[in-house]
Amino acid sequence: MNIQQILRDSWFFYSRNILQIALLCGPLILLQAISAHLWEQSQGSKLEFGQSLLLGLLFSPLYQSVLIYFLAARSSGAVAGASQLFAAALRIWPAFVLLTCLTQIATVLGLFLLIAPGVWLAVKLSLAGYLLVLRQQQPIEAMRESFRLTTGHFWNIVILALASFVPLLVIAVLLFGLIPSENVEGLVGVALALPLGVVQLFSTVVLFRYFMLLETTDKPA
């Protein structure tokens, strides 16, 4: 597969639909940031790693599934309203939370053992969310199928994942270069979470494009 073409196609779509993506996912990203801010205020200290993961488990599966449904609708030429996308996302939200929890546990355990196993697991499980949303597979089934589907595609996915984070790094450098580090707290941090979160969703678009190409060349056993 042509990695450069996948990135070009993904950027073409993302750049022309960024406003709609922001309108769909931005409120949930902002709500997650506000929840983190209120939690920090209530306990008088920054969130610990486990607390941040917990908030991510609650919000990320919801806006990720909304985006995947939006991408699928656009790819098929269908028109889906925000209410339809959110209704579909809410139906699978519990399963997506469980899937996210399982994949994060597996990845973190791999990282604790050695960095390489954690990275390997993250790549092998990277398509599980698309399988759960688009094929309506159960979490364990989606994880197993993601392992199978990514066979022979490890380095392609690594390259795509790294390349898709370039826009996020550029925006982060620009934002944090303009704002003194001591001011990136409280409501300023909440405000920064919105553009950074929306830009980070470019990686979801890239992997969706790769997943759809795999779907055309691979049939489940």
C-alpha atoms as a PDB file:
ATOM      1  CA  MET A   1       0.000   0.000   0.000  1.00  0.00           C
ATOM      2  CA  ASN A   2       1.152   3.523  -0.794  1.00  0.00           C
ATOM      3  CA  ILE A   3       1.731   5.200   2.580  1.00  0.00           C
ATOM      4  CA  GLN A   4       2.143   8.662   1.081  1.00  0.00           C
ATOM      5  CA  GLN A   5      -1.142   8.342  -0.807  1.00  0.00           C
ATOM      6  CA  ILE A   6      -2.963   7.235   2.340  1.00  0.00           C
ATOM      7  CA  LEU A   7      -1.618  10.248   4.229  1.00  0.00           C
ATOM      8  CA  ARG A   8      -2.522  12.601   1.370  1.00  0.00           C
ATOM      9  CA  ASP A   9      -6.054  11.221   1.090  1.00  0.00           C
ATOM     10  CA  SER A  10      -6.520  11.370   4.855  1.00  0.00           C
ATOM     11  CA  TRP A  11      -5.261  14.952   5.058  1.00  0.00           C
ATOM     12  CA  PHE A  12      -7.449  15.977   2.123  1.00  0.00           C
ATOM     13  CA  PHE A  13     -10.528  14.632   3.904  1.00  0.00           C
ATOM     14  CA  TYR A  14      -9.543  15.886   7.353  1.00  0.00           C
ATOM     15  CA  SER A  15      -8.672  19.417   6.247  1.00  0.00           C
ATOM     16  CA  ARG A  16     -11.973  19.790   4.396  1.00  0.00           C
ATOM     17  CA  ASN A  17     -14.082  18.362   7.203  1.00  0.00           C
ATOM     18  CA  ILE A  18     -12.214  19.686  10.242  1.00  0.00           C
ATOM     19  CA  LEU A  19     -15.016  22.072  11.187  1.00  0.00           C
ATOM     20  CA  GLN A  20     -17.622  19.312  11.208  1.00  0.00           C
ATOM     21  CA  ILE A  21     -15.256  17.001  13.079  1.00  0.00           C
ATOM     22  CA  ALA A  22     -14.685  19.748  15.654  1.00  0.00           C
ATOM     23  CA  LEU A  23     -18.420  20.334  16.026  1.00  0.00           C
ATOM     24  CA  LEU A  24     -19.077  16.622  16.520  1.00  0.00           C
ATOM     25  CA  CYS A  25     -16.173  15.710  18.797  1.00  0.00           C
ATOM     26  CA  GLY A  26     -15.140  19.063  20.257  1.00  0.00           C
ATOM     27  CA  PRO A  27     -17.894  19.288  22.891  1.00  0.00           C
ATOM     28  CA  LEU A  28     -16.944  15.882  24.314  1.00  0.00           C
ATOM     29  CA  ILE A  29     -13.226  16.728  24.255  1.00  0.00           C
ATOM     30  CA  LEU A  30     -14.002  19.978  26.058  1.00  0.00           C
ATOM     31  CA  LEU A  31     -16.239  18.190  28.562  1.00  0.00           C
ATOM     32  CA  GLN A  32     -13.422  15.751  29.308  1.00  0.00           C
ATOM     33  CA  ALA A  33     -10.999  18.638  29.890  1.00  0.00           C
ATOM     34  CA  ILE A  34     -13.502  20.460  32.122  1.00  0.00           C
ATOM     35  CA  SER A  35     -14.123  17.273  34.115  1.00  0.00           C
ATOM     36  CA  ALA A  36     -10.373  16.859  34.630  1.00  0.00           C
ATOM     37  CA  HIS A  37     -10.075  20.493  35.729  1.00  0.00           C
ATOM     38  CA  LEU A  38     -12.940  20.192  38.231  1.00  0.00           C
ATOM     39  CA  TRP A  39     -11.510  16.936  39.568  1.00  0.00           C
ATOM     40  CA  GLU A  40      -8.121  18.588  40.085  1.00  0.00           C
ATOM     41  CA  GLN A  41      -9.756  21.520  41.862  1.00  0.00           C
ATOM     42  CA  SER A  42     -11.710  19.214  44.157  1.00  0.00           C
ATOM     43  CA  GLN A  43      -8.604  17.319  45.291  1.00  0.00           C
ATOM     44  CA  GLY A  44      -6.173  20.245  45.121  1.00  0.00           C
ATOM     45  CA  SER A  45      -3.606  18.466  42.969  1.00  0.00           C
ATOM     46  CA  LYS A  46      -3.024  17.271  39.425  1.00  0.00           C
ATOM     47  CA  LEU A  47      -4.690  14.076  38.258  1.00  0.00           C
ATOM     48  CA  GLU A  48      -2.720  10.912  38.738  1.00  0.00           C
ATOM     49  CA  PHE A  49      -2.072   8.582  35.801  1.00  0.00           C
ATOM     50  CA  GLY A  50      -4.907   6.212  36.728  1.00  0.00           C
ATOM     51  CA  GLN A  51      -7.387   9.063  37.134  1.00  0.00           C
ATOM     52  CA  SER A  52      -6.518  10.443  33.698  1.00  0.00           C
ATOM     53  CA  LEU A  53      -6.988   6.974  32.217  1.00  0.00           C
ATOM     54  CA  LEU A  54     -10.395   6.713  33.879  1.00  0.00           C
ATOM     55  CA  LEU A  55     -11.583   9.987  32.353  1.00  0.00           C
ATOM     56  CA  GLY A  56     -10.237   8.879  29.000  1.00  0.00           C
ATOM     57  CA  LEU A  57     -12.184   5.634  29.296  1.00  0.00           C
ATOM     58  CA  LEU A  58     -15.408   7.557  29.821  1.00  0.00           C
ATOM     59  CA  PHE A  59     -15.103  10.107  27.018  1.00  0.00           C
ATOM     60  CA  SER A  60     -12.689   8.864  24.359  1.00  0.00           C
ATOM     61  CA  PRO A  61     -14.732   5.820  23.216  1.00  0.00           C
ATOM     62  CA  LEU A  62     -17.743   8.071  22.694  1.00  0.00           C
ATOM     63  CA  TYR A  63     -16.182  10.717  20.476  1.00  0.00           C
ATOM     64  CA  GLN A  64     -13.995   8.143  18.721  1.00  0.00           C
ATOM     65  CA  SER A  65     -17.053   6.092  17.741  1.00  0.00           C
ATOM     66  CA  VAL A  66     -18.918   9.238  16.641  1.00  0.00           C
ATOM     67  CA  LEU A  67     -15.994  10.078  14.367  1.00  0.00           C
ATOM     68  CA  ILE A  68     -15.744   6.528  12.982  1.00  0.00           C
ATOM     69  CA  TYR A  69     -19.467   6.510  12.172  1.00  0.00           C
ATOM     70  CA  PHE A  70     -19.061   9.920  10.510  1.00  0.00           C
ATOM     71  CA  LEU A  71     -16.117   8.675   8.440  1.00  0.00           C
ATOM     72  CA  ALA A  72     -18.014   5.556   7.399  1.00  0.00           C
ATOM     73  CA  ALA A  73     -21.056   7.590   6.377  1.00  0.00           C
ATOM     74  CA  ARG A  74     -18.973   9.989   4.302  1.00  0.00           C
ATOM     75  CA  SER A  75     -17.068   7.130   2.684  1.00  0.00           C
ATOM     76  CA  SER A  76     -20.302   5.514   1.532  1.00  0.00           C
ATOM     77  CA  GLY A  77     -21.782   8.808   0.359  1.00  0.00           C
ATOM     78  CA  ALA A  78     -24.479   8.732   3.046  1.00  0.00           C
ATOM     79  CA  VAL A  79     -25.615  11.727   5.063  1.00  0.00           C
ATOM     80  CA  ALA A  80     -25.895  11.193   8.818  1.00  0.00           C
ATOM     81  CA  GLY A  81     -27.012  13.880  11.238  1.00  0.00           C
ATOM     82  CA  ALA A  82     -25.335  14.507  14.568  1.00  0.00           C
ATOM     83  CA  SER A  83     -28.263  12.970  16.455  1.00  0.00           C
ATOM     84  CA  GLN A  84     -27.971   9.743  14.439  1.00  0.00           C
ATOM     85  CA  LEU A  85     -24.227   9.561  14.971  1.00  0.00           C
ATOM     86  CA  PHE A  86     -24.505  10.115  18.722  1.00  0.00           C
ATOM     87  CA  ALA A  87     -27.388   7.640  19.052  1.00  0.00           C
ATOM     88  CA  ALA A  88     -25.328   4.964  17.293  1.00  0.00           C
ATOM     89  CA  ALA A  89     -22.262   5.802  19.396  1.00  0.00           C
ATOM     90  CA  LEU A  90     -24.217   5.607  22.651  1.00  0.00           C
ATOM     91  CA  ARG A  91     -25.510   2.143  21.759  1.00  0.00           C
ATOM     92  CA  ILE A  92     -22.005   0.717  21.515  1.00  0.00           C
ATOM     93  CA  TRP A  93     -20.442   2.937  24.188  1.00  0.00           C
ATOM     94  CA  PRO A  94     -20.360   0.250  26.947  1.00  0.00           C
ATOM     95  CA  ALA A  95     -18.696  -2.251  24.600  1.00  0.00           C
ATOM     96  CA  PHE A  96     -16.210   0.373  23.384  1.00  0.00           C
ATOM     97  CA  VAL A  97     -15.357   1.312  26.991  1.00  0.00           C
ATOM     98  CA  LEU A  98     -14.646  -2.354  27.733  1.00  0.00           C
ATOM     99  CA  LEU A  99     -12.554  -2.680  24.570  1.00  0.00           C
ATOM    100  CA  THR A 100     -10.567   0.462  25.408  1.00  0.00           C
ATOM    101  CA  CYS A 101     -10.003  -0.799  28.945  1.00  0.00           C
ATOM    102  CA  LEU A 102      -8.755  -4.186  27.735  1.00  0.00           C
ATOM    103  CA  THR A 103      -6.452  -2.731  25.078  1.00  0.00           C
ATOM    104  CA  GLN A 104      -5.002  -0.182  27.496  1.00  0.00           C
ATOM    105  CA  ILE A 105      -4.366  -2.835  30.141  1.00  0.00           C
ATOM    106  CA  ALA A 106      -2.638  -5.056  27.574  1.00  0.00           C
ATOM    107  CA  THR A 107      -0.542  -2.166  26.244  1.00  0.00           C
ATOM    108  CA  VAL A 108       0.450  -0.866  29.697  1.00  0.00           C
ATOM    109  CA  LEU A 109       1.427  -4.369  30.833  1.00  0.00           C
ATOM    110  CA  GLY A 110       3.520  -4.708  27.689  1.00  0.00           C
ATOM    111  CA  LEU A 111       5.206  -1.371  28.370  1.00  0.00           C
ATOM    112  CA  PHE A 112       5.961  -2.394  31.948  1.00  0.00           C
ATOM    113  CA  LEU A 113       7.619  -5.600  30.743  1.00  0.00           C
ATOM    114  CA  LEU A 114       9.605  -3.884  28.003  1.00  0.00           C
ATOM    115  CA  ILE A 115       8.824  -0.986  25.684  1.00  0.00           C
ATOM    116  CA  ALA A 116       8.848  -3.164  22.547  1.00  0.00           C
ATOM    117  CA  PRO A 117       6.023  -5.547  23.629  1.00  0.00           C
ATOM    118  CA  GLY A 118       3.839  -2.565  24.533  1.00  0.00           C
ATOM    119  CA  VAL A 119       4.363  -0.929  21.149  1.00  0.00           C
ATOM    120  CA  TRP A 120       3.759  -4.251  19.397  1.00  0.00           C
ATOM    121  CA  LEU A 121       0.485  -4.784  21.275  1.00  0.00           C
ATOM    122  CA  ALA A 122      -0.651  -1.215  20.597  1.00  0.00           C
ATOM    123  CA  VAL A 123      -0.137  -1.740  16.858  1.00  0.00           C
ATOM    124  CA  LYS A 124      -1.735  -5.193  16.807  1.00  0.00           C
ATOM    125  CA  LEU A 125      -4.813  -3.852  18.617  1.00  0.00           C
ATOM    126  CA  SER A 126      -5.008  -0.566  16.696  1.00  0.00           C
ATOM    127  CA  LEU A 127      -7.862  -1.694  14.426  1.00  0.00           C
ATOM    128  CA  ALA A 128     -10.033  -3.217  17.161  1.00  0.00           C
ATOM    129  CA  GLY A 129     -12.126  -0.062  17.589  1.00  0.00           C
ATOM    130  CA  TYR A 130     -13.004   0.045  13.895  1.00  0.00           C
ATOM    131  CA  LEU A 131     -13.988  -3.615  13.981  1.00  0.00           C
ATOM    132  CA  LEU A 132     -16.204  -3.072  17.013  1.00  0.00           C
ATOM    133  CA  VAL A 133     -17.933  -0.036  15.496  1.00  0.00           C
ATOM    134  CA  LEU A 134     -18.186  -1.007  11.842  1.00  0.00           C
ATOM    135  CA  ARG A 135     -18.478  -4.802  12.072  1.00  0.00           C
ATOM    136  CA  GLN A 136     -20.320  -4.714  15.402  1.00  0.00           C
ATOM    137  CA  GLN A 137     -17.950  -7.273  16.870  1.00  0.00           C
ATOM    138  CA  GLN A 138     -17.680  -7.916  20.588  1.00  0.00           C
ATOM    139  CA  PRO A 139     -14.530  -6.578  22.322  1.00  0.00           C
ATOM    140  CA  ILE A 140     -12.626  -9.880  22.534  1.00  0.00           C
ATOM    141  CA  GLU A 141     -13.613 -10.803  18.990  1.00  0.00           C
ATOM    142  CA  ALA A 142     -12.522  -7.371  17.734  1.00  0.00           C
ATOM    143  CA  MET A 143      -9.159  -7.710  19.488  1.00  0.00           C
ATOM    144  CA  ARG A 144      -8.615 -11.162  18.013  1.00  0.00           C
ATOM    145  CA  GLU A 145      -9.577  -9.982  14.521  1.00  0.00           C
ATOM    146  CA  SER A 146      -7.339  -6.911  14.830  1.00  0.00           C
ATOM    147  CA  PHE A 147      -4.420  -9.229  15.596  1.00  0.00           C
ATOM    148  CA  ARG A 148      -5.180 -11.210  12.448  1.00  0.00           C
ATOM    149  CA  LEU A 149      -5.881  -8.227  10.221  1.00  0.00           C
ATOM    150  CA  THR A 150      -2.666  -6.396  11.133  1.00  0.00           C
ATOM    151  CA  THR A 151      -0.463  -9.379  10.293  1.00  0.00           C
ATOM    152  CA  GLY A 152       2.108  -8.210   7.763  1.00  0.00           C
ATOM    153  CA  HIS A 153       1.170  -4.555   8.265  1.00  0.00           C
ATOM    154  CA  PHE A 154       3.072  -3.719  11.453  1.00  0.00           C
ATOM    155  CA  TRP A 155       5.543  -1.222  10.026  1.00  0.00           C
ATOM    156  CA  ASN A 156       2.973   0.417   7.770  1.00  0.00           C
ATOM    157  CA  ILE A 157       0.803   1.133  10.813  1.00  0.00           C
ATOM    158  CA  VAL A 158       3.792   2.367  12.842  1.00  0.00           C
ATOM    159  CA  ILE A 159       4.784   4.782  10.066  1.00  0.00           C
ATOM    160  CA  LEU A 160       1.208   6.009   9.635  1.00  0.00           C
ATOM    161  CA  ALA A 161       0.767   6.493  13.385  1.00  0.00           C
ATOM    162  CA  LEU A 162       3.997   8.461  13.697  1.00  0.00           C
ATOM    163  CA  ALA A 163       3.264  10.573  10.618  1.00  0.00           C
ATOM    164  CA  SER A 164      -0.283  11.321  11.752  1.00  0.00           C
ATOM    165  CA  PHE A 165       1.037  12.853  14.978  1.00  0.00           C
ATOM    166  CA  VAL A 166       3.144  15.423  13.122  1.00  0.00           C
ATOM    167  CA  PRO A 167       0.256  17.967  12.914  1.00  0.00           C
ATOM    168  CA  LEU A 168      -0.347  17.507  16.652  1.00  0.00           C
ATOM    169  CA  LEU A 169       3.316  18.160  17.424  1.00  0.00           C
ATOM    170  CA  VAL A 170       3.336  21.270  15.230  1.00  0.00           C
ATOM    171  CA  ILE A 171       0.213  22.711  16.884  1.00  0.00           C
ATOM    172  CA  ALA A 172       1.512  21.827  20.357  1.00  0.00           C
ATOM    173  CA  VAL A 173       4.858  23.537  19.707  1.00  0.00           C
ATOM    174  CA  LEU A 174       3.105  26.634  18.368  1.00  0.00           C
ATOM    175  CA  LEU A 175       0.618  26.859  21.244  1.00  0.00           C
ATOM    176  CA  PHE A 176       3.073  26.158  24.038  1.00  0.00           C
ATOM    177  CA  GLY A 177       5.613  28.443  22.386  1.00  0.00           C
ATOM    178  CA  LEU A 178       3.154  31.330  22.566  1.00  0.00           C
ATOM    179  CA  ILE A 179       1.935  30.616  26.086  1.00  0.00           C
ATOM    180  CA  PRO A 180       4.381  30.531  29.037  1.00  0.00           C
ATOM    181  CA  SER A 181       4.445  27.111  30.688  1.00  0.00           C
ATOM    182  CA  GLU A 182       3.419  28.534  34.066  1.00  0.00           C
ATOM    183  CA  ASN A 183       0.190  29.808  32.479  1.00  0.00           C
ATOM    184  CA  VAL A 184      -0.836  26.436  31.039  1.00  0.00           C
ATOM    185  CA  GLU A 185      -3.045  25.679  34.007  1.00  0.00           C
ATOM    186  CA  GLY A 186      -6.717  25.816  34.877  1.00  0.00           C
ATOM    187  CA  LEU A 187      -9.012  27.244  32.243  1.00  0.00           C
ATOM    188  CA  VAL A 188      -6.113  27.949  29.875  1.00  0.00           C
ATOM    189  CA  GLY A 189      -5.288  24.247  29.902  1.00  0.00           C
ATOM    190  CA  VAL A 190      -8.950  23.434  29.298  1.00  0.00           C
ATOM    191  CA  ALA A 191      -9.038  25.787  26.320  1.00  0.00           C
ATOM    192  CA  LEU A 192      -5.867  24.253  24.858  1.00  0.00           C
ATOM    193  CA  ALA A 193      -7.329  20.752  25.141  1.00  0.00           C
ATOM    194  CA  LEU A 194      -9.887  21.526  22.424  1.00  0.00           C
ATOM    195  CA  PRO A 195      -7.559  22.304  19.477  1.00  0.00           C
ATOM    196  CA  LEU A 196      -5.066  19.652  20.558  1.00  0.00           C
ATOM    197  CA  GLY A 197      -7.808  17.040  20.881  1.00  0.00           C
ATOM    198  CA  VAL A 198      -9.306  17.839  17.483  1.00  0.00           C
ATOM    199  CA  VAL A 199      -5.898  17.740  15.777  1.00  0.00           C
ATOM    200  CA  GLN A 200      -5.139  14.423  17.465  1.00  0.00           C
ATOM    201  CA  LEU A 201      -8.200  12.936  15.742  1.00  0.00           C
ATOM    202  CA  PHE A 202      -6.288  13.094  12.461  1.00  0.00           C
ATOM    203  CA  SER A 203      -4.704   9.786  13.498  1.00  0.00           C
ATOM    204  CA  THR A 204      -8.187   8.237  13.670  1.00  0.00           C
ATOM    205  CA  VAL A 205      -8.854   9.404  10.112  1.00  0.00           C
ATOM    206  CA  VAL A 206      -5.547   7.955   8.895  1.00  0.00           C
ATOM    207  CA  LEU A 207      -6.105   4.547  10.478  1.00  0.00           C
ATOM    208  CA  PHE A 208      -9.691   4.508   9.226  1.00  0.00           C
ATOM    209  CA  ARG A 209      -8.397   4.994   5.685  1.00  0.00           C
ATOM    210  CA  TYR A 210      -5.921   2.149   6.158  1.00  0.00           C
ATOM    211  CA  PHE A 211      -8.590  -0.089   7.677  1.00  0.00           C
ATOM    212  CA  MET A 212     -10.922   0.494   4.734  1.00  0.00           C
ATOM    213  CA  LEU A 213      -8.153  -0.402   2.289  1.00  0.00           C
ATOM    214  CA  LEU A 214      -7.494  -3.599   4.228  1.00  0.00           C
ATOM    215  CA  GLU A 215     -11.202  -4.385   4.095  1.00  0.00           C
ATOM    216  CA  THR A 216     -11.116  -4.331   0.294  1.00  0.00           C
ATOM    217  CA  THR A 217      -8.195  -6.757   0.104  1.00  0.00           C
ATOM    218  CA  ASP A 218      -8.884  -9.022   3.074  1.00  0.00           C
ATOM    219  CA  LYS A 219     -11.792 -11.253   3.913  1.00  0.00           C
ATOM    220  CA  PRO A 220     -12.314 -12.677   7.413  1.00  0.00           C
ATOM    221  CA  ALA A 221     -11.390 -16.317   7.702  1.00  0.00           C
END
